[in-house]
Amino acid sequence: MLFLASCVTPFGVACRDIAVSPTDEFKYADRQADIACERAQLYAFDRLTLYDKEKKQWEVNPYGIPIKDVVTILKNQAADIDNFLSFEQRKFADHIDWYRGLRTGLEKQEVVTQEVLRRLLFVSVLAEFETKVGPLPASVRETVTYKHFFPQGTESYAVQLLYSGRDRDRRLENIPFLATYLENAKADGTLKLVAQVAFDSYDDFAQKVPDPRYRNEFSWQRVERGFAAYGYKIVPADAKPNESAVQYLEVYRRIKGKTESHPAVRGFLAPGGSQVSVFLIDYDQEGLVGYGTPDEVWVSGFSVATVSDLLTNFSARQKLIDSIYERPEGINRNRPQRKRPAEKPVYTAIAKMGDVHLEVWQKGDWSVPFMYTKLPVTLAVAIGPGKTEEEKRLAKEHGVSKLLGFKRTFRGESGVVVMEYWKPKLEFSKQNVRGSSVQSSETIRIQRKGESEIGGDVAFFGTLHMVDYTVGGRWFRLVSEDDTGKFAKKKDIANPMEVESQPQPNEGP
């Protein structure tokens, strides 16, 4: 069968390569290898399928290789293809792209594998649903679609199950998951809506999105989502509806305030039960492949009597509310590992002959990507003679210095994580300082010639010019071109703690 073939090397080719060997005594010759491999394929085909002489059609042999084993093979194959198509390992991704058409071929094979896997999982869920809730209504089992795929019920499967037909009247996903007791209640008008609840929320740090290029870097993605739940009860025509002991439940995802068109969760009564305990769960969001068809039958260890139980019962909320936003299995093609990372921009500049010093900066609106101002901090003041001849003369004759800058160092659990460099404001940049001190890591006191001592925080005396910070094992530098604290330039730097000479605030680019 096609879906059992390797995603890279066809079975026939691999079999023949192994079987043929002109030097080994117990290997086949070319013709013998062809016959042996053909027989091996026929044996596999014979185990997987049976020909029904009365119906004159091939069917999947439920007594040959169990469907769950085939599903396991397909899941492993899908995981392998997903790994091949990932950009997480850049060298391997480049190797895949070196072969023309290989990535495209793997993507097509992935679509085929996922489609066959989806159809087999559909059958598994349908069979389990009929076991837990009861056979589908006769109105469904008598349809052309149902008989096309399940001529003898879900205990055997027609081979057409494995292929997607073009006839819209014979689409596997058109088979509805219905309970006989509900359809009877709908027919006589006794199924009533007795309770409903809607809830919306948002979280700025709901999803951690890794950087596909750097393993230790990530960003946070905001998520706005909620749900709408509805409870139904079979109420006799002369009775008054009430919420107690609902007999059918529906839960809809709400993404950014919009309710999806099909329920993500449906709850049913088990045969002979009086409260909802069997649930169909669809993990695919609207617009994704598989949306509208359930992925799992979940039988709870407790009964959900009312819609309110979805909120008050922790296990129910965790399984039936929280889990419907993240698919627990399958391939998520939208995650960063499956997207080709953007190449770093290349900056060029013209330098004078012999000038090998060329700074490369990324332009933009930058900031330190984490909160650090509450971390333990130390403050240092740098003073010294100015650079001009006049400033050096004043320092020598009058013993006065000049404020060169301020430095704040923030420490986390792993050591220094952020260093801020501040320039003195214009009114504090003159060469008239006789001394300085720092109190409580926050207050700076300056003694200027002929004036009384003044004190204040670093923002009183200076403006933030440059920041060095570390994240993911790498160091970065941000620079404010106008000394307003808004950083327009960024670049990678070496660990400043390992550099012999630390940059002063007024030595930035």
Protein backbone atom coordinates (compact mmCIF):
# COMPACT_ATOMS: atom_id res chain seq x y z
CA MET A 1 0.00 0.00 0.00
CA LEU A 2 1.15 3.51 -0.86
CA PHE A 3 0.75 4.88 2.63
CA LEU A 4 3.12 2.27 4.07
CA ALA A 5 5.95 3.24 1.74
CA SER A 6 8.89 5.20 3.05
CA CYS A 7 8.66 8.95 2.58
CA VAL A 8 12.14 9.09 1.07
CA THR A 9 12.91 5.73 -0.56
CA PRO A 10 10.09 3.67 -2.17
CA PHE A 11 9.71 0.16 -0.78
CA GLY A 12 10.52 -1.53 -4.08
CA VAL A 13 13.78 0.38 -4.53
CA ALA A 14 14.90 -0.15 -0.94
CA CYS A 15 13.97 -3.84 -1.03
CA ARG A 16 15.86 -4.44 -4.26
CA ASP A 17 18.97 -2.59 -3.05
CA ILE A 18 19.11 -4.81 0.01
CA ALA A 19 18.28 -8.03 -1.82
CA VAL A 20 20.72 -7.73 -4.72
CA SER A 21 24.41 -8.49 -4.16
CA PRO A 22 26.68 -10.17 -6.72
CA THR A 23 29.30 -11.06 -4.09
CA ASP A 24 27.33 -12.34 -1.10
CA GLU A 25 26.46 -16.00 -1.32
CA PHE A 26 22.96 -15.76 0.13
CA LYS A 27 21.77 -12.66 -1.77
CA TYR A 28 19.53 -12.68 -4.87
CA ALA A 29 20.45 -11.97 -8.44
CA ASP A 30 18.64 -9.12 -10.22
CA ARG A 31 15.69 -11.16 -11.50
CA GLN A 32 15.32 -13.08 -8.26
CA ALA A 33 15.36 -9.83 -6.27
CA ASP A 34 12.57 -8.35 -8.39
CA ILE A 35 10.39 -11.42 -7.84
CA ALA A 36 11.12 -11.57 -4.10
CA CYS A 37 10.30 -7.90 -3.55
CA GLU A 38 7.14 -8.17 -5.63
CA ARG A 39 6.01 -11.12 -3.50
CA ALA A 40 6.78 -9.16 -0.33
CA GLN A 41 4.53 -6.33 -1.51
CA LEU A 42 1.77 -8.75 -2.46
CA TYR A 43 2.02 -10.34 0.99
CA ALA A 44 1.64 -6.94 2.66
CA PHE A 45 -1.27 -6.07 0.35
CA ASP A 46 -2.93 -9.39 1.12
CA ARG A 47 -2.62 -8.77 4.85
CA LEU A 48 -4.04 -5.26 4.57
CA THR A 49 -6.95 -5.95 2.23
CA LEU A 50 -9.57 -8.56 1.45
CA TYR A 51 -11.62 -8.97 -1.71
CA ASP A 52 -15.32 -9.43 -1.03
CA LYS A 53 -16.65 -11.63 -3.86
CA GLU A 54 -20.30 -10.83 -3.12
CA LYS A 55 -19.80 -7.05 -3.09
CA LYS A 56 -17.00 -7.29 -5.67
CA GLN A 57 -14.78 -4.76 -3.93
CA TRP A 58 -11.59 -4.60 -1.90
CA GLU A 59 -11.86 -3.73 1.79
CA VAL A 60 -9.34 -3.08 4.51
CA ASN A 61 -8.81 -6.35 6.34
CA PRO A 62 -9.63 -5.61 9.99
CA TYR A 63 -8.06 -8.93 10.99
CA GLY A 64 -4.79 -8.37 9.15
CA ILE A 65 -2.98 -5.29 10.37
CA PRO A 66 -5.02 -3.33 12.94
CA ILE A 67 -5.91 0.24 12.03
CA LYS A 68 -4.17 1.49 15.18
CA ASP A 69 -0.89 -0.04 13.95
CA VAL A 70 -1.25 1.68 10.57
CA VAL A 71 -1.97 4.96 12.40
CA THR A 72 1.21 4.49 14.44
CA ILE A 73 3.26 4.02 11.26
CA LEU A 74 1.75 7.13 9.69
CA LYS A 75 2.34 9.22 12.81
CA ASN A 76 6.01 8.22 12.80
CA GLN A 77 6.27 9.02 9.09
CA ALA A 78 4.60 12.41 9.61
CA ALA A 79 7.00 13.21 12.47
CA ASP A 80 10.01 12.33 10.27
CA ILE A 81 8.82 14.55 7.42
CA ASP A 82 8.12 17.36 9.86
CA ASN A 83 11.69 17.09 11.11
CA PHE A 84 13.04 17.17 7.54
CA LEU A 85 11.05 20.33 6.76
CA SER A 86 11.99 22.18 9.94
CA PHE A 87 14.38 25.14 9.81
CA GLU A 88 15.46 24.62 13.42
CA GLN A 89 18.70 22.95 12.28
CA ARG A 90 19.87 25.44 9.68
CA LYS A 91 22.63 23.32 8.14
CA PHE A 92 20.26 20.39 7.62
CA ALA A 93 17.63 22.74 6.15
CA ASP A 94 20.22 24.12 3.72
CA HIS A 95 21.10 20.53 2.76
CA ILE A 96 17.42 19.80 1.98
CA ASP A 97 17.17 22.96 -0.13
CA TRP A 98 20.35 22.09 -2.05
CA TYR A 99 18.43 19.32 -3.88
CA ARG A 100 16.08 20.99 -6.30
CA GLY A 101 12.46 20.07 -5.67
CA LEU A 102 13.14 17.96 -2.56
CA ARG A 103 11.43 20.33 -0.12
CA THR A 104 8.44 20.67 -2.44
CA GLY A 105 8.21 16.89 -2.79
CA LEU A 106 8.38 16.39 0.98
CA GLU A 107 5.68 19.00 1.50
CA LYS A 108 3.41 17.20 -0.97
CA GLN A 109 4.13 13.85 0.70
CA GLU A 110 3.31 15.39 4.07
CA VAL A 111 -0.08 16.53 2.80
CA VAL A 112 -0.83 13.00 1.56
CA THR A 113 0.32 11.41 4.81
CA GLN A 114 -1.67 13.81 6.94
CA GLU A 115 -4.80 13.30 4.84
CA VAL A 116 -4.66 9.49 5.07
CA LEU A 117 -3.88 9.73 8.78
CA ARG A 118 -6.79 12.10 9.29
CA ARG A 119 -9.19 9.71 7.57
CA LEU A 120 -8.05 6.70 9.57
CA LEU A 121 -8.32 8.68 12.82
CA PHE A 122 -11.82 9.74 11.76
CA VAL A 123 -12.84 6.10 11.46
CA SER A 124 -11.28 5.23 14.81
CA VAL A 125 -13.16 8.07 16.51
CA LEU A 126 -16.42 7.15 14.78
CA ALA A 127 -16.14 3.51 15.84
CA GLU A 128 -15.40 4.52 19.44
CA PHE A 129 -18.28 7.01 19.41
CA GLU A 130 -20.73 4.29 18.37
CA THR A 131 -19.35 2.07 21.13
CA LYS A 132 -19.70 4.73 23.87
CA VAL A 133 -22.91 6.50 22.76
CA GLY A 134 -24.63 3.99 20.50
CA PRO A 135 -25.00 3.35 16.75
CA LEU A 136 -25.64 6.32 14.53
CA PRO A 137 -29.31 6.93 13.70
CA ALA A 138 -30.76 4.83 10.89
CA SER A 139 -31.18 7.99 8.82
CA VAL A 140 -27.36 8.29 8.73
CA ARG A 141 -26.53 4.61 8.28
CA GLU A 142 -28.83 4.41 5.24
CA THR A 143 -27.14 7.27 3.39
CA VAL A 144 -25.06 6.70 0.25
CA THR A 145 -21.97 8.16 1.94
CA TYR A 146 -22.10 5.87 4.98
CA LYS A 147 -22.67 2.74 2.89
CA HIS A 148 -19.88 3.76 0.52
CA PHE A 149 -17.28 3.67 3.29
CA PHE A 150 -18.90 1.25 5.77
CA PRO A 151 -20.98 -1.34 3.90
CA GLN A 152 -21.05 -3.55 7.01
CA GLY A 153 -20.86 -0.84 9.66
CA THR A 154 -17.71 0.48 11.29
CA GLU A 155 -16.46 -3.04 12.01
CA SER A 156 -15.08 -3.18 8.44
CA TYR A 157 -13.86 -0.45 6.15
CA ALA A 158 -14.04 -0.19 2.38
CA VAL A 159 -10.73 0.54 0.67
CA GLN A 160 -12.26 3.79 -0.66
CA LEU A 161 -11.71 5.08 2.85
CA LEU A 162 -8.05 5.71 2.05
CA TYR A 163 -8.67 8.01 -0.89
CA SER A 164 -10.35 11.38 -1.16
CA GLY A 165 -13.02 11.19 -3.85
CA ARG A 166 -14.27 14.07 -5.95
CA ASP A 167 -17.93 13.20 -5.45
CA ARG A 168 -19.23 15.62 -2.81
CA ASP A 169 -22.01 13.18 -1.96
CA ARG A 170 -19.39 10.66 -0.90
CA ARG A 171 -17.12 12.67 1.38
CA LEU A 172 -16.03 10.95 4.58
CA GLU A 173 -16.34 14.15 6.61
CA ASN A 174 -20.01 14.41 5.57
CA ILE A 175 -20.88 11.59 7.97
CA PRO A 176 -22.32 13.33 11.05
CA PHE A 177 -21.70 12.24 14.64
CA LEU A 178 -25.29 12.04 15.89
CA ALA A 179 -26.96 10.36 18.83
CA THR A 180 -30.29 8.64 18.31
CA TYR A 181 -31.81 10.00 21.53
CA LEU A 182 -31.03 13.57 20.45
CA GLU A 183 -32.39 13.16 16.94
CA ASN A 184 -35.64 11.73 18.33
CA ALA A 185 -35.92 14.70 20.72
CA LYS A 186 -35.29 17.16 17.91
CA ALA A 187 -37.93 15.47 15.77
CA ASP A 188 -40.67 15.78 18.40
CA GLY A 189 -39.56 19.25 19.54
CA THR A 190 -38.63 18.32 23.12
CA LEU A 191 -34.90 19.27 23.00
CA LYS A 192 -34.66 22.70 24.65
CA LEU A 193 -31.81 25.13 25.34
CA VAL A 194 -31.79 25.58 29.13
CA ALA A 195 -28.45 27.30 29.86
CA GLN A 196 -25.68 29.24 28.17
CA VAL A 197 -22.53 31.07 29.20
CA ALA A 198 -19.88 33.09 27.33
CA PHE A 199 -16.43 34.16 28.51
CA ASP A 200 -13.62 36.18 26.89
CA SER A 201 -10.11 36.96 28.13
CA TYR A 202 -6.70 38.02 26.87
CA ASP A 203 -3.15 37.36 28.00
CA ASP A 204 -0.10 39.32 26.80
CA PHE A 205 2.20 36.44 27.77
CA ALA A 206 0.06 33.47 26.75
CA GLN A 207 2.38 31.87 24.19
CA LYS A 208 6.15 31.66 24.26
CA VAL A 209 7.39 31.85 20.67
CA PRO A 210 10.98 30.57 20.20
CA ASP A 211 13.34 32.17 17.71
CA PRO A 212 14.03 29.61 14.92
CA ARG A 213 17.57 30.96 14.46
CA TYR A 214 18.69 31.23 18.11
CA ARG A 215 17.57 28.50 20.51
CA ASN A 216 17.79 30.66 23.65
CA GLU A 217 15.83 33.63 22.33
CA PHE A 218 12.07 33.96 22.31
CA SER A 219 9.23 36.44 22.30
CA TRP A 220 5.79 36.54 23.86
CA GLN A 221 2.61 36.46 21.80
CA ARG A 222 -0.63 37.97 22.99
CA VAL A 223 -3.69 35.71 22.81
CA GLU A 224 -7.32 36.80 22.93
CA ARG A 225 -9.70 33.92 23.34
CA GLY A 226 -12.78 32.67 25.13
CA PHE A 227 -15.62 30.18 24.81
CA ALA A 228 -19.38 29.95 24.59
CA ALA A 229 -21.15 26.94 26.15
CA TYR A 230 -24.75 25.80 25.68
CA GLY A 231 -26.69 23.20 27.66
CA TYR A 232 -29.71 21.33 26.29
CA LYS A 233 -32.31 19.15 27.96
CA ILE A 234 -35.12 16.93 26.75
CA VAL A 235 -38.20 18.57 28.23
CA PRO A 236 -41.74 17.21 27.78
CA ALA A 237 -44.11 19.60 26.07
CA ASP A 238 -46.05 20.33 29.28
CA ALA A 239 -42.97 20.79 31.52
CA LYS A 240 -40.98 23.94 32.36
CA PRO A 241 -37.29 23.95 31.24
CA ASN A 242 -34.60 24.16 33.95
CA GLU A 243 -30.83 23.79 33.90
CA SER A 244 -30.56 20.80 36.23
CA ALA A 245 -28.97 17.72 34.65
CA VAL A 246 -28.53 18.81 31.03
CA GLN A 247 -28.49 15.96 28.51
CA TYR A 248 -26.43 17.53 25.74
CA LEU A 249 -23.62 20.12 25.75
CA GLU A 250 -21.87 22.24 23.14
CA VAL A 251 -18.73 24.35 23.65
CA TYR A 252 -17.57 26.79 20.97
CA ARG A 253 -14.17 28.47 20.75
CA ARG A 254 -14.17 32.27 20.65
CA ILE A 255 -11.07 33.75 19.00
CA LYS A 256 -10.69 37.53 19.28
CA GLY A 257 -14.34 37.88 20.15
CA LYS A 258 -15.63 35.79 17.23
CA THR A 259 -17.44 32.50 17.86
CA GLU A 260 -16.56 29.63 15.53
CA SER A 261 -19.30 28.12 13.37
CA HIS A 262 -18.99 24.52 14.68
CA PRO A 263 -18.66 23.34 18.29
CA ALA A 264 -15.23 22.29 19.51
CA VAL A 265 -16.73 20.07 22.22
CA ARG A 266 -19.99 18.10 22.24
CA GLY A 267 -21.18 16.19 25.29
CA PHE A 268 -23.55 13.19 25.18
CA LEU A 269 -25.27 10.75 27.50
CA ALA A 270 -23.84 7.26 27.68
CA PRO A 271 -26.40 4.46 27.06
CA GLY A 272 -28.53 4.24 30.21
CA GLY A 273 -26.92 7.37 31.69
CA SER A 274 -28.72 10.42 33.02
CA GLN A 275 -25.88 12.97 32.88
CA VAL A 276 -23.38 13.97 30.19
CA SER A 277 -20.18 11.90 30.38
CA VAL A 278 -19.05 11.20 26.78
CA PHE A 279 -17.41 14.05 24.87
CA LEU A 280 -16.35 14.59 21.27
CA ILE A 281 -13.42 17.02 20.99
CA ASP A 282 -12.25 18.84 17.84
CA TYR A 283 -8.83 20.45 18.39
CA ASP A 284 -8.60 22.10 14.95
CA GLN A 285 -9.49 25.78 14.86
CA GLU A 286 -11.67 27.18 12.10
CA GLY A 287 -9.79 27.47 8.82
CA LEU A 288 -7.42 24.58 9.54
CA VAL A 289 -7.48 21.14 7.93
CA GLY A 290 -9.72 18.83 9.94
CA TYR A 291 -11.93 21.55 11.39
CA GLY A 292 -15.47 20.32 11.96
CA THR A 293 -14.57 16.66 12.46
CA PRO A 294 -13.80 15.34 15.97
CA ASP A 295 -10.31 14.19 16.93
CA GLU A 296 -11.03 12.38 20.17
CA VAL A 297 -13.73 10.62 22.17
CA TRP A 298 -13.19 11.35 25.84
CA VAL A 299 -15.11 9.54 28.56
CA SER A 300 -14.87 11.48 31.80
CA GLY A 301 -14.59 9.86 35.19
CA PHE A 302 -17.31 12.20 36.41
CA SER A 303 -20.60 13.50 35.04
CA VAL A 304 -21.18 17.07 33.93
CA ALA A 305 -24.63 17.92 35.21
CA THR A 306 -24.80 21.63 34.32
CA VAL A 307 -23.02 24.17 32.13
CA SER A 308 -21.61 25.72 35.30
CA ASP A 309 -19.68 22.50 35.97
CA LEU A 310 -17.43 23.39 33.02
CA LEU A 311 -16.15 26.33 35.07
CA THR A 312 -16.26 25.01 38.62
CA ASN A 313 -14.89 21.50 38.00
CA PHE A 314 -11.11 21.77 37.51
CA SER A 315 -10.75 18.54 35.51
CA ALA A 316 -13.65 19.45 33.23
CA ARG A 317 -12.30 22.95 32.60
CA GLN A 318 -8.78 21.66 31.94
CA LYS A 319 -9.90 19.04 29.40
CA LEU A 320 -12.94 20.67 27.79
CA ILE A 321 -12.01 24.37 27.88
CA ASP A 322 -8.27 24.93 28.22
CA SER A 323 -7.17 22.12 25.89
CA ILE A 324 -9.25 23.10 22.84
CA TYR A 325 -6.89 25.95 21.91
CA GLU A 326 -3.77 23.80 21.53
CA ARG A 327 -3.80 20.68 19.38
CA PRO A 328 -2.05 17.91 21.37
CA GLU A 329 -0.89 15.98 18.32
CA GLY A 330 -0.35 16.35 14.60
CA ILE A 331 1.69 18.86 12.64
CA ASN A 332 1.42 22.57 13.37
CA ARG A 333 2.70 24.20 10.20
CA ASN A 334 2.28 27.68 11.72
CA ARG A 335 4.93 27.36 14.41
CA PRO A 336 8.26 29.20 13.92
CA GLN A 337 10.29 26.05 13.20
CA ARG A 338 8.33 25.54 9.97
CA LYS A 339 8.85 29.09 8.72
CA ARG A 340 11.98 30.03 6.84
CA PRO A 341 13.77 32.55 9.08
CA ALA A 342 14.38 35.94 7.55
CA GLU A 343 17.96 36.52 6.61
CA LYS A 344 19.80 39.11 8.65
CA PRO A 345 19.96 42.42 6.79
CA VAL A 346 23.34 43.21 5.28
CA TYR A 347 24.56 46.72 5.98
CA THR A 348 27.26 48.24 3.78
CA ALA A 349 29.33 51.39 4.06
CA ILE A 350 32.24 53.00 2.24
CA ALA A 351 35.38 53.36 4.30
CA LYS A 352 38.53 55.28 3.54
CA MET A 353 41.51 53.26 2.35
CA GLY A 354 43.32 51.89 5.35
CA ASP A 355 40.38 52.46 7.69
CA VAL A 356 39.34 48.99 8.82
CA HIS A 357 37.07 50.20 11.63
CA LEU A 358 33.48 49.76 10.43
CA GLU A 359 30.56 49.70 12.86
CA VAL A 360 27.50 47.72 11.81
CA TRP A 361 24.24 48.68 13.51
CA GLN A 362 20.65 47.62 13.16
CA LYS A 363 18.36 50.63 12.91
CA GLY A 364 14.93 50.61 14.55
CA ASP A 365 13.06 51.24 17.79
CA TRP A 366 14.81 49.04 20.36
CA SER A 367 14.42 48.32 24.06
CA VAL A 368 15.64 45.79 26.60
CA PRO A 369 13.29 42.78 26.10
CA PHE A 370 12.71 42.13 29.82
CA MET A 371 12.01 43.99 33.06
CA TYR A 372 15.15 44.68 35.03
CA THR A 373 14.69 47.92 37.01
CA LYS A 374 13.62 45.99 40.14
CA LEU A 375 16.84 43.95 40.18
CA PRO A 376 19.66 44.74 42.62
CA VAL A 377 21.69 47.68 41.27
CA THR A 378 25.01 49.38 41.94
CA LEU A 379 25.73 52.97 40.88
CA ALA A 380 29.14 54.40 39.99
CA VAL A 381 30.22 57.96 39.18
CA ALA A 382 33.18 58.65 36.88
CA ILE A 383 35.06 61.95 37.31
CA GLY A 384 38.41 63.08 35.96
CA PRO A 385 40.22 65.78 34.02
CA GLY A 386 38.81 66.89 30.70
CA LYS A 387 40.46 66.18 27.37
CA THR A 388 41.26 69.75 26.26
CA GLU A 389 44.43 71.58 27.27
CA GLU A 390 42.40 74.19 29.15
CA GLU A 391 40.57 71.53 31.15
CA LYS A 392 43.85 69.82 31.99
CA ARG A 393 45.29 73.17 33.16
CA LEU A 394 42.30 73.82 35.42
CA ALA A 395 42.61 70.37 36.93
CA LYS A 396 46.28 70.93 37.70
CA GLU A 397 46.05 74.49 39.04
CA HIS A 398 42.72 74.42 40.88
CA GLY A 399 42.24 70.73 41.70
CA VAL A 400 38.87 70.48 39.97
CA SER A 401 37.58 67.61 37.89
CA LYS A 402 34.82 66.99 35.40
CA LEU A 403 31.84 64.60 35.49
CA LEU A 404 32.52 61.98 32.83
CA GLY A 405 29.39 59.89 33.32
CA PHE A 406 27.41 57.46 35.44
CA LYS A 407 27.02 53.72 35.25
CA ARG A 408 24.25 51.55 36.73
CA THR A 409 24.87 47.79 36.90
CA PHE A 410 21.93 45.41 37.43
CA ARG A 411 22.46 41.86 38.62
CA GLY A 412 20.22 38.81 38.21
CA GLU A 413 20.57 35.27 39.51
CA SER A 414 23.27 34.48 36.95
CA GLY A 415 25.26 37.70 37.43
CA VAL A 416 25.34 41.01 35.60
CA VAL A 417 22.47 41.26 33.09
CA VAL A 418 22.19 44.98 32.27
CA MET A 419 24.58 47.96 32.34
CA GLU A 420 23.30 51.51 31.77
CA TYR A 421 25.61 54.34 30.70
CA TRP A 422 24.50 57.91 31.41
CA LYS A 423 25.93 61.20 30.11
CA PRO A 424 25.99 64.25 32.41
CA LYS A 425 23.53 66.97 31.50
CA LEU A 426 24.96 70.17 30.05
CA GLU A 427 24.66 72.09 33.33
CA PHE A 428 26.72 69.40 35.10
CA SER A 429 29.36 68.92 32.41
CA LYS A 430 31.66 71.80 33.40
CA GLN A 431 35.10 71.28 34.91
CA ASN A 432 34.30 72.51 38.40
CA VAL A 433 33.77 69.34 40.46
CA ARG A 434 35.74 68.92 43.65
CA GLY A 435 34.24 65.61 44.75
CA SER A 436 31.39 63.11 44.43
CA SER A 437 29.82 60.25 46.36
CA VAL A 438 27.02 57.68 46.06
CA GLN A 439 24.52 56.97 48.83
CA SER A 440 22.23 53.91 49.02
CA SER A 441 22.94 52.94 45.39
CA GLU A 442 20.47 55.60 44.30
CA THR A 443 21.53 59.10 45.38
CA ILE A 444 24.50 60.95 43.92
CA ARG A 445 26.06 63.88 45.76
CA ILE A 446 28.26 66.39 43.91
CA GLN A 447 30.47 69.11 45.41
CA ARG A 448 31.25 71.87 42.92
CA LYS A 449 33.81 74.67 43.42
CA GLY A 450 32.29 77.69 45.13
CA GLU A 451 28.88 76.04 45.55
CA SER A 452 27.12 74.00 48.19
CA GLU A 453 26.79 70.22 47.81
CA ILE A 454 23.81 69.04 45.77
CA GLY A 455 22.20 65.60 45.54
CA GLY A 456 19.82 63.69 43.34
CA ASP A 457 19.29 60.48 41.43
CA VAL A 458 21.03 59.59 38.18
CA ALA A 459 18.17 61.03 36.09
CA PHE A 460 18.67 64.39 37.84
CA PHE A 461 22.30 64.65 36.79
CA GLY A 462 22.34 62.80 33.49
CA THR A 463 20.60 61.40 30.41
CA LEU A 464 20.57 57.72 29.41
CA HIS A 465 22.80 57.25 26.39
CA MET A 466 23.65 53.54 26.08
CA VAL A 467 22.63 50.14 27.47
CA ASP A 468 24.39 46.76 27.34
CA TYR A 469 22.30 43.69 28.18
CA THR A 470 22.50 39.92 27.88
CA VAL A 471 19.84 37.42 26.81
CA GLY A 472 20.20 33.84 25.60
CA GLY A 473 23.94 33.83 26.29
CA ARG A 474 24.60 36.80 23.95
CA TRP A 475 25.28 40.47 24.63
CA PHE A 476 23.70 43.41 22.83
CA ARG A 477 24.25 47.17 22.87
CA LEU A 478 21.54 49.81 22.42
CA VAL A 479 22.44 53.44 21.69
CA SER A 480 20.32 56.58 21.86
CA GLU A 481 21.41 59.01 19.15
CA ASP A 482 19.73 62.02 20.78
CA ASP A 483 20.30 60.98 24.43
CA THR A 484 16.55 60.88 25.14
CA GLY A 485 16.50 57.25 26.27
CA LYS A 486 14.92 56.14 22.97
CA PHE A 487 17.26 53.64 21.36
CA ALA A 488 17.52 53.74 17.56
CA LYS A 489 20.61 51.52 17.11
CA LYS A 490 21.42 47.97 18.17
CA LYS A 491 24.25 45.51 17.59
CA ASP A 492 25.84 42.33 18.96
CA ILE A 493 28.86 42.87 21.18
CA ALA A 494 31.38 40.78 23.05
CA ASN A 495 30.77 40.22 26.75
CA PRO A 496 31.67 43.64 28.22
CA MET A 497 32.60 41.96 31.50
CA GLU A 498 35.46 40.23 29.68
CA VAL A 499 36.68 43.35 27.87
CA GLU A 500 39.62 45.02 29.56
CA SER A 501 38.53 48.63 29.03
CA GLN A 502 34.91 49.44 29.70
CA PRO A 503 33.33 52.13 27.47
CA GLN A 504 32.46 55.38 29.15
CA PRO A 505 29.05 56.91 28.53
CA ASN A 506 30.44 59.65 26.33
CA GLU A 507 32.45 57.20 24.24
CA GLY A 508 29.47 55.67 22.45
CA PRO A 509 29.17 55.83 18.69
